[in-house]
Amino acid sequence: MKLFARGRAPCGLLLLALAAGCTTKYYRKSADHQVYSVIKAKSPMVPNMDPQFTIEQTNAVLLAGFPIATNVPEFLGPDGKRESGARILNLKQTLDIGIHSSRSYQSRKEQLYL
């Protein structure tokens, strides 16, 4: 039996082309579309829901707008020198960044919709 008998090769190539269309990228896009539909429908029911909520994972935390530490308190000792040039954030800003950047927190919010 010939593997690529006359007439079977084009059918095999067609099947390969169709199978290649069902990639993980396609399924991810389809799943994201479904999730965004659910989020849009359920968001009005969630108090204090962020209107810009997204399921996209963003790892970049932008600290450019925060002031830079120039003087280091003496009580930090020799290790305090590493704090020079660091960004200064208050507790509210720190928690806000943590909530919006935490993959674990975002996963829990996503589980809420399931």
PDB file of N, CA and C in Angstrom:
ATOM      1  N   MET A   1       0.831  -1.176   0.000  1.00  0.00           N
ATOM      2  CA  MET A   1       0.000   0.000   0.000  1.00  0.00           C
ATOM      3  C   MET A   1       0.879   1.244   0.000  1.00  0.00           C
ATOM      4  N   LYS A   2       0.614   2.123  -0.917  1.00  0.00           N
ATOM      5  CA  LYS A   2       1.402   3.349  -1.007  1.00  0.00           C
ATOM      6  C   LYS A   2       0.828   4.383  -0.051  1.00  0.00           C
ATOM      7  N   LEU A   3       1.726   5.045   0.675  1.00  0.00           N
ATOM      8  CA  LEU A   3       1.300   6.048   1.650  1.00  0.00           C
ATOM      9  C   LEU A   3       0.634   7.240   0.975  1.00  0.00           C
ATOM     10  N   PHE A   4       1.223   7.703  -0.108  1.00  0.00           N
ATOM     11  CA  PHE A   4       0.662   8.840  -0.831  1.00  0.00           C
ATOM     12  C   PHE A   4       0.133   8.375  -2.181  1.00  0.00           C
ATOM     13  N   ALA A   5      -0.858   7.554  -2.125  1.00  0.00           N
ATOM     14  CA  ALA A   5      -1.464   7.054  -3.361  1.00  0.00           C
ATOM     15  C   ALA A   5      -2.127   8.216  -4.092  1.00  0.00           C
ATOM     16  N   ARG A   6      -2.316   8.021  -5.372  1.00  0.00           N
ATOM     17  CA  ARG A   6      -2.895   9.075  -6.208  1.00  0.00           C
ATOM     18  C   ARG A   6      -4.266   9.483  -5.631  1.00  0.00           C
ATOM     19  N   GLY A   7      -4.431  10.760  -5.388  1.00  0.00           N
ATOM     20  CA  GLY A   7      -5.687  11.283  -4.863  1.00  0.00           C
ATOM     21  C   GLY A   7      -5.700  11.416  -3.345  1.00  0.00           C
ATOM     22  N   ARG A   8      -4.858  10.670  -2.663  1.00  0.00           N
ATOM     23  CA  ARG A   8      -4.829  10.751  -1.196  1.00  0.00           C
ATOM     24  C   ARG A   8      -3.915  11.872  -0.706  1.00  0.00           C
ATOM     25  N   ALA A   9      -2.890  12.184  -1.455  1.00  0.00           N
ATOM     26  CA  ALA A   9      -1.953  13.233  -1.042  1.00  0.00           C
ATOM     27  C   ALA A   9      -2.656  14.582  -0.912  1.00  0.00           C
ATOM     28  N   PRO A  10      -3.464  15.005  -1.902  1.00  0.00           N
ATOM     29  CA  PRO A  10      -4.151  16.288  -1.730  1.00  0.00           C
ATOM     30  C   PRO A  10      -5.113  16.277  -0.544  1.00  0.00           C
ATOM     31  N   CYS A  11      -5.776  15.163  -0.298  1.00  0.00           N
ATOM     32  CA  CYS A  11      -6.689  15.071   0.850  1.00  0.00           C
ATOM     33  C   CYS A  11      -5.915  15.168   2.156  1.00  0.00           C
ATOM     34  N   GLY A  12      -4.771  14.506   2.208  1.00  0.00           N
ATOM     35  CA  GLY A  12      -3.933  14.557   3.401  1.00  0.00           C
ATOM     36  C   GLY A  12      -3.418  15.960   3.660  1.00  0.00           C
ATOM     37  N   LEU A  13      -3.002  16.633   2.591  1.00  0.00           N
ATOM     38  CA  LEU A  13      -2.523  18.009   2.750  1.00  0.00           C
ATOM     39  C   LEU A  13      -3.652  18.937   3.181  1.00  0.00           C
ATOM     40  N   LEU A  14      -4.839  18.710   2.662  1.00  0.00           N
ATOM     41  CA  LEU A  14      -5.990  19.514   3.051  1.00  0.00           C
ATOM     42  C   LEU A  14      -6.306  19.321   4.531  1.00  0.00           C
ATOM     43  N   LEU A  15      -6.254  18.077   4.997  1.00  0.00           N
ATOM     44  CA  LEU A  15      -6.501  17.804   6.414  1.00  0.00           C
ATOM     45  C   LEU A  15      -5.453  18.458   7.308  1.00  0.00           C
ATOM     46  N   LEU A  16      -4.194  18.417   6.870  1.00  0.00           N
ATOM     47  CA  LEU A  16      -3.136  19.075   7.632  1.00  0.00           C
ATOM     48  C   LEU A  16      -3.359  20.586   7.699  1.00  0.00           C
ATOM     49  N   ALA A  17      -3.772  21.169   6.582  1.00  0.00           N
ATOM     50  CA  ALA A  17      -4.034  22.612   6.555  1.00  0.00           C
ATOM     51  C   ALA A  17      -5.190  22.975   7.473  1.00  0.00           C
ATOM     52  N   LEU A  18      -6.237  22.155   7.492  1.00  0.00           N
ATOM     53  CA  LEU A  18      -7.367  22.420   8.376  1.00  0.00           C
ATOM     54  C   LEU A  18      -6.983  22.258   9.842  1.00  0.00           C
ATOM     55  N   ALA A  19      -6.194  21.235  10.133  1.00  0.00           N
ATOM     56  CA  ALA A  19      -5.762  21.001  11.505  1.00  0.00           C
ATOM     57  C   ALA A  19      -4.877  22.135  11.998  1.00  0.00           C
ATOM     58  N   ALA A  20      -4.074  22.699  11.108  1.00  0.00           N
ATOM     59  CA  ALA A  20      -3.202  23.804  11.499  1.00  0.00           C
ATOM     60  C   ALA A  20      -4.017  25.042  11.849  1.00  0.00           C
ATOM     61  N   GLY A  21      -5.221  25.184  11.299  1.00  0.00           N
ATOM     62  CA  GLY A  21      -6.081  26.324  11.605  1.00  0.00           C
ATOM     63  C   GLY A  21      -6.620  26.282  13.024  1.00  0.00           C
ATOM     64  N   CYS A  22      -6.652  25.132  13.644  1.00  0.00           N
ATOM     65  CA  CYS A  22      -7.151  24.973  15.010  1.00  0.00           C
ATOM     66  C   CYS A  22      -5.983  25.043  15.987  1.00  0.00           C
ATOM     67  N   THR A  23      -5.338  26.154  16.026  1.00  0.00           N
ATOM     68  CA  THR A  23      -4.162  26.318  16.874  1.00  0.00           C
ATOM     69  C   THR A  23      -4.569  26.811  18.251  1.00  0.00           C
ATOM     70  N   THR A  24      -3.614  26.820  19.155  1.00  0.00           N
ATOM     71  CA  THR A  24      -3.874  27.331  20.500  1.00  0.00           C
ATOM     72  C   THR A  24      -4.221  28.813  20.449  1.00  0.00           C
ATOM     73  N   LYS A  25      -3.665  29.530  19.494  1.00  0.00           N
ATOM     74  CA  LYS A  25      -3.970  30.954  19.366  1.00  0.00           C
ATOM     75  C   LYS A  25      -5.455  31.159  19.075  1.00  0.00           C
ATOM     76  N   TYR A  26      -6.008  30.322  18.205  1.00  0.00           N
ATOM     77  CA  TYR A  26      -7.425  30.407  17.876  1.00  0.00           C
ATOM     78  C   TYR A  26      -8.277  30.122  19.113  1.00  0.00           C
ATOM     79  N   TYR A  27      -7.941  29.058  19.843  1.00  0.00           N
ATOM     80  CA  TYR A  27      -8.718  28.686  21.018  1.00  0.00           C
ATOM     81  C   TYR A  27      -8.601  29.736  22.116  1.00  0.00           C
ATOM     82  N   ARG A  28      -7.425  30.303  22.272  1.00  0.00           N
ATOM     83  CA  ARG A  28      -7.248  31.357  23.286  1.00  0.00           C
ATOM     84  C   ARG A  28      -8.103  32.567  22.941  1.00  0.00           C
ATOM     85  N   LYS A  29      -8.093  32.958  21.664  1.00  0.00           N
ATOM     86  CA  LYS A  29      -8.884  34.113  21.236  1.00  0.00           C
ATOM     87  C   LYS A  29     -10.371  33.850  21.438  1.00  0.00           C
ATOM     88  N   SER A  30     -10.802  32.645  21.130  1.00  0.00           N
ATOM     89  CA  SER A  30     -12.200  32.268  21.306  1.00  0.00           C
ATOM     90  C   SER A  30     -12.584  32.280  22.790  1.00  0.00           C
ATOM     91  N   ALA A  31     -11.728  31.718  23.635  1.00  0.00           N
ATOM     92  CA  ALA A  31     -11.998  31.688  25.071  1.00  0.00           C
ATOM     93  C   ALA A  31     -12.015  33.097  25.653  1.00  0.00           C
ATOM     94  N   ASP A  32     -11.067  33.941  25.227  1.00  0.00           N
ATOM     95  CA  ASP A  32     -11.035  35.325  25.701  1.00  0.00           C
ATOM     96  C   ASP A  32     -12.312  36.058  25.324  1.00  0.00           C
ATOM     97  N   HIS A  33     -12.800  35.827  24.116  1.00  0.00           N
ATOM     98  CA  HIS A  33     -14.029  36.473  23.672  1.00  0.00           C
ATOM     99  C   HIS A  33     -15.196  36.052  24.565  1.00  0.00           C
ATOM    100  N   GLN A  34     -15.277  34.773  24.890  1.00  0.00           N
ATOM    101  CA  GLN A  34     -16.351  34.289  25.755  1.00  0.00           C
ATOM    102  C   GLN A  34     -16.252  34.874  27.161  1.00  0.00           C
ATOM    103  N   VAL A  35     -15.031  34.933  27.688  1.00  0.00           N
ATOM    104  CA  VAL A  35     -14.834  35.462  29.037  1.00  0.00           C
ATOM    105  C   VAL A  35     -15.186  36.941  29.092  1.00  0.00           C
ATOM    106  N   TYR A  36     -14.764  37.701  28.086  1.00  0.00           N
ATOM    107  CA  TYR A  36     -15.096  39.124  28.080  1.00  0.00           C
ATOM    108  C   TYR A  36     -16.607  39.333  27.998  1.00  0.00           C
ATOM    109  N   SER A  37     -17.317  38.460  27.322  1.00  0.00           N
ATOM    110  CA  SER A  37     -18.777  38.554  27.267  1.00  0.00           C
ATOM    111  C   SER A  37     -19.382  38.334  28.649  1.00  0.00           C
ATOM    112  N   VAL A  38     -18.865  37.353  29.379  1.00  0.00           N
ATOM    113  CA  VAL A  38     -19.346  37.084  30.727  1.00  0.00           C
ATOM    114  C   VAL A  38     -19.029  38.248  31.651  1.00  0.00           C
ATOM    115  N   ILE A  39     -17.809  38.772  31.550  1.00  0.00           N
ATOM    116  CA  ILE A  39     -17.405  39.898  32.391  1.00  0.00           C
ATOM    117  C   ILE A  39     -18.297  41.104  32.126  1.00  0.00           C
ATOM    118  N   LYS A  40     -18.575  41.373  30.876  1.00  0.00           N
ATOM    119  CA  LYS A  40     -19.429  42.509  30.516  1.00  0.00           C
ATOM    120  C   LYS A  40     -20.828  42.338  31.104  1.00  0.00           C
ATOM    121  N   ALA A  41     -21.337  41.116  31.080  1.00  0.00           N
ATOM    122  CA  ALA A  41     -22.675  40.853  31.605  1.00  0.00           C
ATOM    123  C   ALA A  41     -22.719  40.911  33.134  1.00  0.00           C
ATOM    124  N   LYS A  42     -21.665  40.459  33.792  1.00  0.00           N
ATOM    125  CA  LYS A  42     -21.668  40.356  35.257  1.00  0.00           C
ATOM    126  C   LYS A  42     -21.119  41.584  35.969  1.00  0.00           C
ATOM    127  N   SER A  43     -20.348  42.426  35.291  1.00  0.00           N
ATOM    128  CA  SER A  43     -19.707  43.574  35.930  1.00  0.00           C
ATOM    129  C   SER A  43     -20.664  44.494  36.675  1.00  0.00           C
ATOM    130  N   PRO A  44     -21.845  44.794  36.139  1.00  0.00           N
ATOM    131  CA  PRO A  44     -22.745  45.679  36.886  1.00  0.00           C
ATOM    132  C   PRO A  44     -23.175  45.115  38.240  1.00  0.00           C
ATOM    133  N   MET A  45     -23.061  43.815  38.437  1.00  0.00           N
ATOM    134  CA  MET A  45     -23.462  43.187  39.701  1.00  0.00           C
ATOM    135  C   MET A  45     -22.359  43.222  40.758  1.00  0.00           C
ATOM    136  N   VAL A  46     -21.142  43.599  40.373  1.00  0.00           N
ATOM    137  CA  VAL A  46     -20.004  43.582  41.287  1.00  0.00           C
ATOM    138  C   VAL A  46     -19.727  44.999  41.774  1.00  0.00           C
ATOM    139  N   PRO A  47     -19.875  45.245  43.086  1.00  0.00           N
ATOM    140  CA  PRO A  47     -19.596  46.587  43.611  1.00  0.00           C
ATOM    141  C   PRO A  47     -18.128  46.963  43.405  1.00  0.00           C
ATOM    142  N   ASN A  48     -17.900  48.220  43.079  1.00  0.00           N
ATOM    143  CA  ASN A  48     -16.546  48.774  42.897  1.00  0.00           C
ATOM    144  C   ASN A  48     -15.746  48.053  41.818  1.00  0.00           C
ATOM    145  N   MET A  49     -16.403  47.521  40.832  1.00  0.00           N
ATOM    146  CA  MET A  49     -15.719  46.818  39.739  1.00  0.00           C
ATOM    147  C   MET A  49     -14.939  47.823  38.909  1.00  0.00           C
ATOM    148  N   ASP A  50     -13.701  47.494  38.634  1.00  0.00           N
ATOM    149  CA  ASP A  50     -12.854  48.339  37.801  1.00  0.00           C
ATOM    150  C   ASP A  50     -13.391  48.311  36.373  1.00  0.00           C
ATOM    151  N   PRO A  51     -13.787  49.463  35.812  1.00  0.00           N
ATOM    152  CA  PRO A  51     -14.329  49.460  34.448  1.00  0.00           C
ATOM    153  C   PRO A  51     -13.289  49.065  33.402  1.00  0.00           C
ATOM    154  N   GLN A  52     -12.016  49.158  33.735  1.00  0.00           N
ATOM    155  CA  GLN A  52     -10.951  48.790  32.810  1.00  0.00           C
ATOM    156  C   GLN A  52     -10.421  47.388  33.088  1.00  0.00           C
ATOM    157  N   PHE A  53     -11.198  46.571  33.794  1.00  0.00           N
ATOM    158  CA  PHE A  53     -10.756  45.214  34.134  1.00  0.00           C
ATOM    159  C   PHE A  53     -10.438  44.424  32.873  1.00  0.00           C
ATOM    160  N   THR A  54      -9.360  43.701  32.918  1.00  0.00           N
ATOM    161  CA  THR A  54      -8.937  42.898  31.781  1.00  0.00           C
ATOM    162  C   THR A  54      -8.438  41.548  32.275  1.00  0.00           C
ATOM    163  N   ILE A  55      -8.542  40.550  31.419  1.00  0.00           N
ATOM    164  CA  ILE A  55      -8.020  39.232  31.770  1.00  0.00           C
ATOM    165  C   ILE A  55      -6.588  39.065  31.277  1.00  0.00           C
ATOM    166  N   GLU A  56      -6.104  40.063  30.565  1.00  0.00           N
ATOM    167  CA  GLU A  56      -4.730  39.998  30.056  1.00  0.00           C
ATOM    168  C   GLU A  56      -3.750  40.110  31.209  1.00  0.00           C
ATOM    169  N   GLN A  57      -2.718  39.325  31.149  1.00  0.00           N
ATOM    170  CA  GLN A  57      -1.694  39.360  32.179  1.00  0.00           C
ATOM    171  C   GLN A  57      -0.701  40.461  31.835  1.00  0.00           C
ATOM    172  N   THR A  58      -0.603  41.406  32.736  1.00  0.00           N
ATOM    173  CA  THR A  58       0.347  42.498  32.530  1.00  0.00           C
ATOM    174  C   THR A  58       1.346  42.467  33.670  1.00  0.00           C
ATOM    175  N   ASN A  59       2.581  42.307  33.344  1.00  0.00           N
ATOM    176  CA  ASN A  59       3.622  42.233  34.366  1.00  0.00           C
ATOM    177  C   ASN A  59       4.343  43.551  34.566  1.00  0.00           C
ATOM    178  N   ALA A  60       4.099  44.496  33.691  1.00  0.00           N
ATOM    179  CA  ALA A  60       4.805  45.764  33.784  1.00  0.00           C
ATOM    180  C   ALA A  60       4.140  46.666  34.813  1.00  0.00           C
ATOM    181  N   VAL A  61       4.896  47.065  35.808  1.00  0.00           N
ATOM    182  CA  VAL A  61       4.420  48.007  36.811  1.00  0.00           C
ATOM    183  C   VAL A  61       5.146  49.318  36.539  1.00  0.00           C
ATOM    184  N   LEU A  62       4.381  50.339  36.215  1.00  0.00           N
ATOM    185  CA  LEU A  62       4.974  51.625  35.887  1.00  0.00           C
ATOM    186  C   LEU A  62       5.122  52.464  37.149  1.00  0.00           C
ATOM    187  N   LEU A  63       6.352  52.736  37.508  1.00  0.00           N
ATOM    188  CA  LEU A  63       6.639  53.510  38.705  1.00  0.00           C
ATOM    189  C   LEU A  63       7.183  54.896  38.372  1.00  0.00           C
ATOM    190  N   ALA A  64       7.170  55.267  37.107  1.00  0.00           N
ATOM    191  CA  ALA A  64       7.798  56.511  36.669  1.00  0.00           C
ATOM    192  C   ALA A  64       7.193  57.748  37.318  1.00  0.00           C
ATOM    193  N   GLY A  65       5.931  57.730  37.686  1.00  0.00           N
ATOM    194  CA  GLY A  65       5.282  58.910  38.243  1.00  0.00           C
ATOM    195  C   GLY A  65       5.531  59.121  39.727  1.00  0.00           C
ATOM    196  N   PHE A  66       6.221  58.232  40.387  1.00  0.00           N
ATOM    197  CA  PHE A  66       6.447  58.336  41.827  1.00  0.00           C
ATOM    198  C   PHE A  66       7.778  59.022  42.116  1.00  0.00           C
ATOM    199  N   PRO A  67       7.844  59.770  43.233  1.00  0.00           N
ATOM    200  CA  PRO A  67       9.097  60.462  43.574  1.00  0.00           C
ATOM    201  C   PRO A  67      10.218  59.475  43.908  1.00  0.00           C
ATOM    202  N   ILE A  68      11.440  59.957  43.797  1.00  0.00           N
ATOM    203  CA  ILE A  68      12.628  59.128  44.050  1.00  0.00           C
ATOM    204  C   ILE A  68      13.249  59.522  45.386  1.00  0.00           C
ATOM    205  N   ALA A  69      13.631  58.521  46.176  1.00  0.00           N
ATOM    206  CA  ALA A  69      14.284  58.763  47.467  1.00  0.00           C
ATOM    207  C   ALA A  69      15.700  59.279  47.229  1.00  0.00           C
ATOM    208  N   THR A  70      16.006  60.417  47.837  1.00  0.00           N
ATOM    209  CA  THR A  70      17.348  60.982  47.691  1.00  0.00           C
ATOM    210  C   THR A  70      18.155  60.875  48.976  1.00  0.00           C
ATOM    211  N   ASN A  71      17.484  60.969  50.132  1.00  0.00           N
ATOM    212  CA  ASN A  71      18.200  60.821  51.399  1.00  0.00           C
ATOM    213  C   ASN A  71      17.777  59.518  52.054  1.00  0.00           C
ATOM    214  N   VAL A  72      18.714  58.868  52.686  1.00  0.00           N
ATOM    215  CA  VAL A  72      18.453  57.568  53.305  1.00  0.00           C
ATOM    216  C   VAL A  72      18.494  57.747  54.818  1.00  0.00           C
ATOM    217  N   PRO A  73      17.446  57.306  55.531  1.00  0.00           N
ATOM    218  CA  PRO A  73      17.461  57.413  56.993  1.00  0.00           C
ATOM    219  C   PRO A  73      18.612  56.599  57.589  1.00  0.00           C
ATOM    220  N   GLU A  74      19.226  57.156  58.617  1.00  0.00           N
ATOM    221  CA  GLU A  74      20.388  56.503  59.236  1.00  0.00           C
ATOM    222  C   GLU A  74      20.035  55.181  59.895  1.00  0.00           C
ATOM    223  N   PHE A  75      18.794  55.053  60.396  1.00  0.00           N
ATOM    224  CA  PHE A  75      18.431  53.825  61.108  1.00  0.00           C
ATOM    225  C   PHE A  75      18.443  52.595  60.201  1.00  0.00           C
ATOM    226  N   LEU A  76      18.496  52.785  58.876  1.00  0.00           N
ATOM    227  CA  LEU A  76      18.581  51.649  57.970  1.00  0.00           C
ATOM    228  C   LEU A  76      19.991  51.070  57.906  1.00  0.00           C
ATOM    229  N   GLY A  77      20.944  51.817  58.420  1.00  0.00           N
ATOM    230  CA  GLY A  77      22.313  51.333  58.466  1.00  0.00           C
ATOM    231  C   GLY A  77      22.948  51.219  57.089  1.00  0.00           C
ATOM    232  N   PRO A  78      23.998  50.388  56.970  1.00  0.00           N
ATOM    233  CA  PRO A  78      24.714  50.265  55.704  1.00  0.00           C
ATOM    234  C   PRO A  78      23.831  49.730  54.566  1.00  0.00           C
ATOM    235  N   ASP A  79      22.861  48.909  54.897  1.00  0.00           N
ATOM    236  CA  ASP A  79      21.983  48.368  53.857  1.00  0.00           C
ATOM    237  C   ASP A  79      21.045  49.431  53.290  1.00  0.00           C
ATOM    238  N   GLY A  80      20.876  50.510  53.998  1.00  0.00           N
ATOM    239  CA  GLY A  80      19.985  51.571  53.555  1.00  0.00           C
ATOM    240  C   GLY A  80      20.461  52.279  52.303  1.00  0.00           C
ATOM    241  N   LYS A  81      21.731  52.164  51.992  1.00  0.00           N
ATOM    242  CA  LYS A  81      22.271  52.813  50.784  1.00  0.00           C
ATOM    243  C   LYS A  81      21.592  52.292  49.525  1.00  0.00           C
ATOM    244  N   ARG A  82      21.116  51.054  49.595  1.00  0.00           N
ATOM    245  CA  ARG A  82      20.418  50.491  48.435  1.00  0.00           C
ATOM    246  C   ARG A  82      19.085  51.187  48.178  1.00  0.00           C
ATOM    247  N   GLU A  83      18.554  51.859  49.197  1.00  0.00           N
ATOM    248  CA  GLU A  83      17.275  52.551  49.060  1.00  0.00           C
ATOM    249  C   GLU A  83      17.406  53.885  48.332  1.00  0.00           C
ATOM    250  N   SER A  84      18.606  54.397  48.232  1.00  0.00           N
ATOM    251  CA  SER A  84      18.814  55.652  47.517  1.00  0.00           C
ATOM    252  C   SER A  84      18.494  55.443  46.039  1.00  0.00           C
ATOM    253  N   GLY A  85      17.612  56.279  45.501  1.00  0.00           N
ATOM    254  CA  GLY A  85      17.198  56.162  44.110  1.00  0.00           C
ATOM    255  C   GLY A  85      15.946  55.306  43.916  1.00  0.00           C
ATOM    256  N   ALA A  86      15.445  54.743  45.023  1.00  0.00           N
ATOM    257  CA  ALA A  86      14.224  53.925  44.943  1.00  0.00           C
ATOM    258  C   ALA A  86      12.998  54.829  44.865  1.00  0.00           C
ATOM    259  N   ARG A  87      11.933  54.316  44.317  1.00  0.00           N
ATOM    260  CA  ARG A  87      10.677  55.064  44.232  1.00  0.00           C
ATOM    261  C   ARG A  87       9.981  55.060  45.591  1.00  0.00           C
ATOM    262  N   ILE A  88       9.309  56.148  45.922  1.00  0.00           N
ATOM    263  CA  ILE A  88       8.608  56.288  47.190  1.00  0.00           C
ATOM    264  C   ILE A  88       7.106  56.154  46.939  1.00  0.00           C
ATOM    265  N   LEU A  89       6.496  55.199  47.634  1.00  0.00           N
ATOM    266  CA  LEU A  89       5.056  54.973  47.520  1.00  0.00           C
ATOM    267  C   LEU A  89       4.447  54.930  48.910  1.00  0.00           C
ATOM    268  N   ASN A  90       3.229  55.436  49.031  1.00  0.00           N
ATOM    269  CA  ASN A  90       2.549  55.307  50.320  1.00  0.00           C
ATOM    270  C   ASN A  90       1.808  53.964  50.338  1.00  0.00           C
ATOM    271  N   LEU A  91       1.176  53.659  51.458  1.00  0.00           N
ATOM    272  CA  LEU A  91       0.522  52.365  51.610  1.00  0.00           C
ATOM    273  C   LEU A  91      -0.604  52.174  50.597  1.00  0.00           C
ATOM    274  N   LYS A  92      -1.416  53.202  50.391  1.00  0.00           N
ATOM    275  CA  LYS A  92      -2.532  53.097  49.443  1.00  0.00           C
ATOM    276  C   LYS A  92      -2.025  52.810  48.031  1.00  0.00           C
ATOM    277  N   GLN A  93      -0.972  53.506  47.610  1.00  0.00           N
ATOM    278  CA  GLN A  93      -0.409  53.290  46.273  1.00  0.00           C
ATOM    279  C   GLN A  93       0.169  51.889  46.143  1.00  0.00           C
ATOM    280  N   THR A  94       0.830  51.435  47.192  1.00  0.00           N
ATOM    281  CA  THR A  94       1.430  50.102  47.186  1.00  0.00           C
ATOM    282  C   THR A  94       0.360  49.020  47.062  1.00  0.00           C
ATOM    283  N   LEU A  95      -0.719  49.158  47.839  1.00  0.00           N
ATOM    284  CA  LEU A  95      -1.806  48.179  47.775  1.00  0.00           C
ATOM    285  C   LEU A  95      -2.504  48.216  46.422  1.00  0.00           C
ATOM    286  N   ASP A  96      -2.677  49.403  45.872  1.00  0.00           N
ATOM    287  CA  ASP A  96      -3.312  49.535  44.557  1.00  0.00           C
ATOM    288  C   ASP A  96      -2.494  48.815  43.479  1.00  0.00           C
ATOM    289  N   ILE A  97      -1.193  49.009  43.506  1.00  0.00           N
ATOM    290  CA  ILE A  97      -0.319  48.320  42.544  1.00  0.00           C
ATOM    291  C   ILE A  97      -0.376  46.810  42.771  1.00  0.00           C
ATOM    292  N   GLY A  98      -0.360  46.397  44.037  1.00  0.00           N
ATOM    293  CA  GLY A  98      -0.414  44.972  44.350  1.00  0.00           C
ATOM    294  C   GLY A  98      -1.689  44.320  43.854  1.00  0.00           C
ATOM    295  N   ILE A  99      -2.818  44.998  44.047  1.00  0.00           N
ATOM    296  CA  ILE A  99      -4.107  44.445  43.625  1.00  0.00           C
ATOM    297  C   ILE A  99      -4.179  44.343  42.107  1.00  0.00           C
ATOM    298  N   HIS A 100      -3.757  45.374  41.421  1.00  0.00           N
ATOM    299  CA  HIS A 100      -3.885  45.387  39.964  1.00  0.00           C
ATOM    300  C   HIS A 100      -2.795  44.599  39.242  1.00  0.00           C
ATOM    301  N   SER A 101      -1.719  44.257  39.944  1.00  0.00           N
ATOM    302  CA  SER A 101      -0.620  43.538  39.305  1.00  0.00           C
ATOM    303  C   SER A 101      -0.506  42.097  39.753  1.00  0.00           C
ATOM    304  N   SER A 102      -1.292  41.696  40.731  1.00  0.00           N
ATOM    305  CA  SER A 102      -1.184  40.353  41.281  1.00  0.00           C
ATOM    306  C   SER A 102      -1.925  39.336  40.417  1.00  0.00           C
ATOM    307  N   ARG A 103      -1.208  38.388  39.883  1.00  0.00           N
ATOM    308  CA  ARG A 103      -1.829  37.337  39.080  1.00  0.00           C
ATOM    309  C   ARG A 103      -2.749  36.482  39.954  1.00  0.00           C
ATOM    310  N   SER A 104      -2.350  36.260  41.197  1.00  0.00           N
ATOM    311  CA  SER A 104      -3.156  35.465  42.108  1.00  0.00           C
ATOM    312  C   SER A 104      -4.492  36.157  42.386  1.00  0.00           C
ATOM    313  N   TYR A 105      -4.459  37.451  42.659  1.00  0.00           N
ATOM    314  CA  TYR A 105      -5.681  38.214  42.923  1.00  0.00           C
ATOM    315  C   TYR A 105      -6.578  38.215  41.683  1.00  0.00           C
ATOM    316  N   GLN A 106      -5.976  38.423  40.531  1.00  0.00           N
ATOM    317  CA  GLN A 106      -6.753  38.443  39.292  1.00  0.00           C
ATOM    318  C   GLN A 106      -7.364  37.065  39.021  1.00  0.00           C
ATOM    319  N   SER A 107      -6.633  36.007  39.305  1.00  0.00           N
ATOM    320  CA  SER A 107      -7.167  34.656  39.120  1.00  0.00           C
ATOM    321  C   SER A 107      -8.377  34.420  40.016  1.00  0.00           C
ATOM    322  N   ARG A 108      -8.308  34.932  41.229  1.00  0.00           N
ATOM    323  CA  ARG A 108      -9.445  34.780  42.142  1.00  0.00           C
ATOM    324  C   ARG A 108     -10.656  35.552  41.638  1.00  0.00           C
ATOM    325  N   LYS A 109     -10.438  36.723  41.079  1.00  0.00           N
ATOM    326  CA  LYS A 109     -11.544  37.480  40.504  1.00  0.00           C
ATOM    327  C   LYS A 109     -12.140  36.728  39.317  1.00  0.00           C
ATOM    328  N   GLU A 110     -11.293  36.091  38.519  1.00  0.00           N
ATOM    329  CA  GLU A 110     -11.782  35.313  37.390  1.00  0.00           C
ATOM    330  C   GLU A 110     -12.584  34.116  37.864  1.00  0.00           C
ATOM    331  N   GLN A 111     -12.152  33.485  38.976  1.00  0.00           N
ATOM    332  CA  GLN A 111     -12.880  32.351  39.525  1.00  0.00           C
ATOM    333  C   GLN A 111     -14.269  32.762  39.996  1.00  0.00           C
ATOM    334  N   LEU A 112     -14.404  34.006  40.436  1.00  0.00           N
ATOM    335  CA  LEU A 112     -15.695  34.532  40.864  1.00  0.00           C
ATOM    336  C   LEU A 112     -16.713  34.434  39.724  1.00  0.00           C
ATOM    337  N   TYR A 113     -16.278  34.674  38.508  1.00  0.00           N
ATOM    338  CA  TYR A 113     -17.187  34.643  37.380  1.00  0.00           C
ATOM    339  C   TYR A 113     -17.544  33.214  36.967  1.00  0.00           C
ATOM    340  N   LEU A 114     -16.690  32.272  37.299  1.00  0.00           N
ATOM    341  CA  LEU A 114     -16.981  30.881  36.947  1.00  0.00           C
ATOM    342  C   LEU A 114     -18.051  30.316  37.859  1.00  0.00           C
TER     343      LEU A 114
END
